[in-house]
Amino acid sequence: MTTIKVSVETRDRLKKLADEDNLTLDAELARTLDRAEDARFWAGVRADYARLQADPQEWGEYVSELAEWDQTAADGLGEE
């Protein structure tokens, strides 16, 4: 265990969330951090796709590669 210094306002906000979710402060903080990390990850993915789409040649190559992979999925083999 360790101690961190946070403002009273921040502690109260965290406690309110934890109470609403029936979690400890630690569990609520961990969940909030998980959500923030997920949001940051997906924002990065969206930004990467936007950059890819901004380059018509790169986007065309990406779409073509996806089409090739789609064909392999239709190989006629049943679920195994």
Protein backbone atom coordinates (compact mmCIF):
# COMPACT_ATOMS: atom_id res chain seq x y z
CA MET A 1 0.00 0.00 0.00
CA THR A 2 0.98 3.56 -0.58
CA THR A 3 -0.54 6.94 0.03
CA ILE A 4 -1.17 9.60 -2.57
CA LYS A 5 -2.09 13.20 -1.96
CA VAL A 6 -5.24 14.35 -3.66
CA SER A 7 -7.42 17.33 -3.08
CA VAL A 8 -10.50 16.97 -0.91
CA GLU A 9 -12.60 17.67 -3.99
CA THR A 10 -10.97 14.83 -5.92
CA ARG A 11 -11.35 12.43 -3.01
CA ASP A 12 -15.02 13.36 -2.65
CA ARG A 13 -15.65 12.87 -6.36
CA LEU A 14 -14.00 9.46 -6.25
CA LYS A 15 -15.94 8.50 -3.12
CA LYS A 16 -19.22 9.53 -4.76
CA LEU A 17 -18.50 7.31 -7.76
CA ALA A 18 -17.39 4.44 -5.53
CA ASP A 19 -20.52 4.71 -3.41
CA GLU A 20 -22.75 4.74 -6.49
CA ASP A 21 -20.98 1.66 -7.88
CA ASN A 22 -20.72 -0.11 -4.50
CA LEU A 23 -16.94 -0.28 -4.82
CA THR A 24 -14.01 0.60 -2.62
CA LEU A 25 -12.08 3.74 -3.47
CA ASP A 26 -9.23 1.56 -4.75
CA ALA A 27 -11.53 -0.51 -6.99
CA GLU A 28 -13.26 2.62 -8.33
CA LEU A 29 -9.94 4.29 -9.06
CA ALA A 30 -8.66 1.15 -10.84
CA ARG A 31 -11.86 0.93 -12.89
CA THR A 32 -11.67 4.62 -13.79
CA LEU A 33 -8.05 4.21 -14.87
CA ASP A 34 -8.96 1.14 -16.95
CA ARG A 35 -11.65 3.14 -18.71
CA ALA A 36 -9.30 6.07 -19.31
CA GLU A 37 -6.63 3.77 -20.74
CA ASP A 38 -9.20 2.08 -22.99
CA ALA A 39 -10.51 5.44 -24.19
CA ARG A 40 -6.97 6.61 -24.96
CA PHE A 41 -6.21 3.38 -26.84
CA TRP A 42 -9.34 3.59 -29.02
CA ALA A 43 -8.76 7.31 -29.66
CA GLY A 44 -5.33 6.32 -30.97
CA VAL A 45 -6.85 3.63 -33.18
CA ARG A 46 -9.34 6.14 -34.61
CA ALA A 47 -6.54 8.64 -35.23
CA ASP A 48 -4.44 5.97 -36.96
CA TYR A 49 -7.36 5.05 -39.24
CA ALA A 50 -7.95 8.73 -40.01
CA ARG A 51 -4.28 9.13 -41.02
CA LEU A 52 -4.50 5.99 -43.14
CA GLN A 53 -7.68 7.18 -44.86
CA ALA A 54 -6.10 10.58 -45.55
CA ASP A 55 -3.61 8.88 -47.89
CA PRO A 56 -5.61 7.42 -50.81
CA GLN A 57 -2.82 5.07 -51.88
CA GLU A 58 -2.23 3.69 -48.38
CA TRP A 59 -5.97 3.36 -47.78
CA GLY A 60 -6.42 1.53 -51.10
CA GLU A 61 -3.65 -0.92 -50.20
CA TYR A 62 -5.22 -1.50 -46.79
CA VAL A 63 -8.67 -2.15 -48.28
CA SER A 64 -7.17 -4.52 -50.87
CA GLU A 65 -5.38 -6.47 -48.16
CA LEU A 66 -8.61 -6.73 -46.17
CA ALA A 67 -10.35 -8.13 -49.25
CA GLU A 68 -7.63 -10.77 -49.61
CA TRP A 69 -8.10 -11.82 -45.98
CA ASP A 70 -11.88 -11.95 -46.48
CA GLN A 71 -11.36 -14.43 -49.32
CA THR A 72 -9.35 -16.73 -47.06
CA ALA A 73 -12.22 -16.74 -44.59
CA ALA A 74 -14.48 -18.04 -47.36
CA ASP A 75 -12.33 -21.10 -48.00
CA GLY A 76 -15.31 -23.46 -47.98
CA LEU A 77 -14.24 -25.20 -44.80
CA GLY A 78 -16.92 -25.64 -42.16
CA GLU A 79 -16.63 -24.69 -38.54
CA GLU A 80 -14.26 -27.08 -36.81
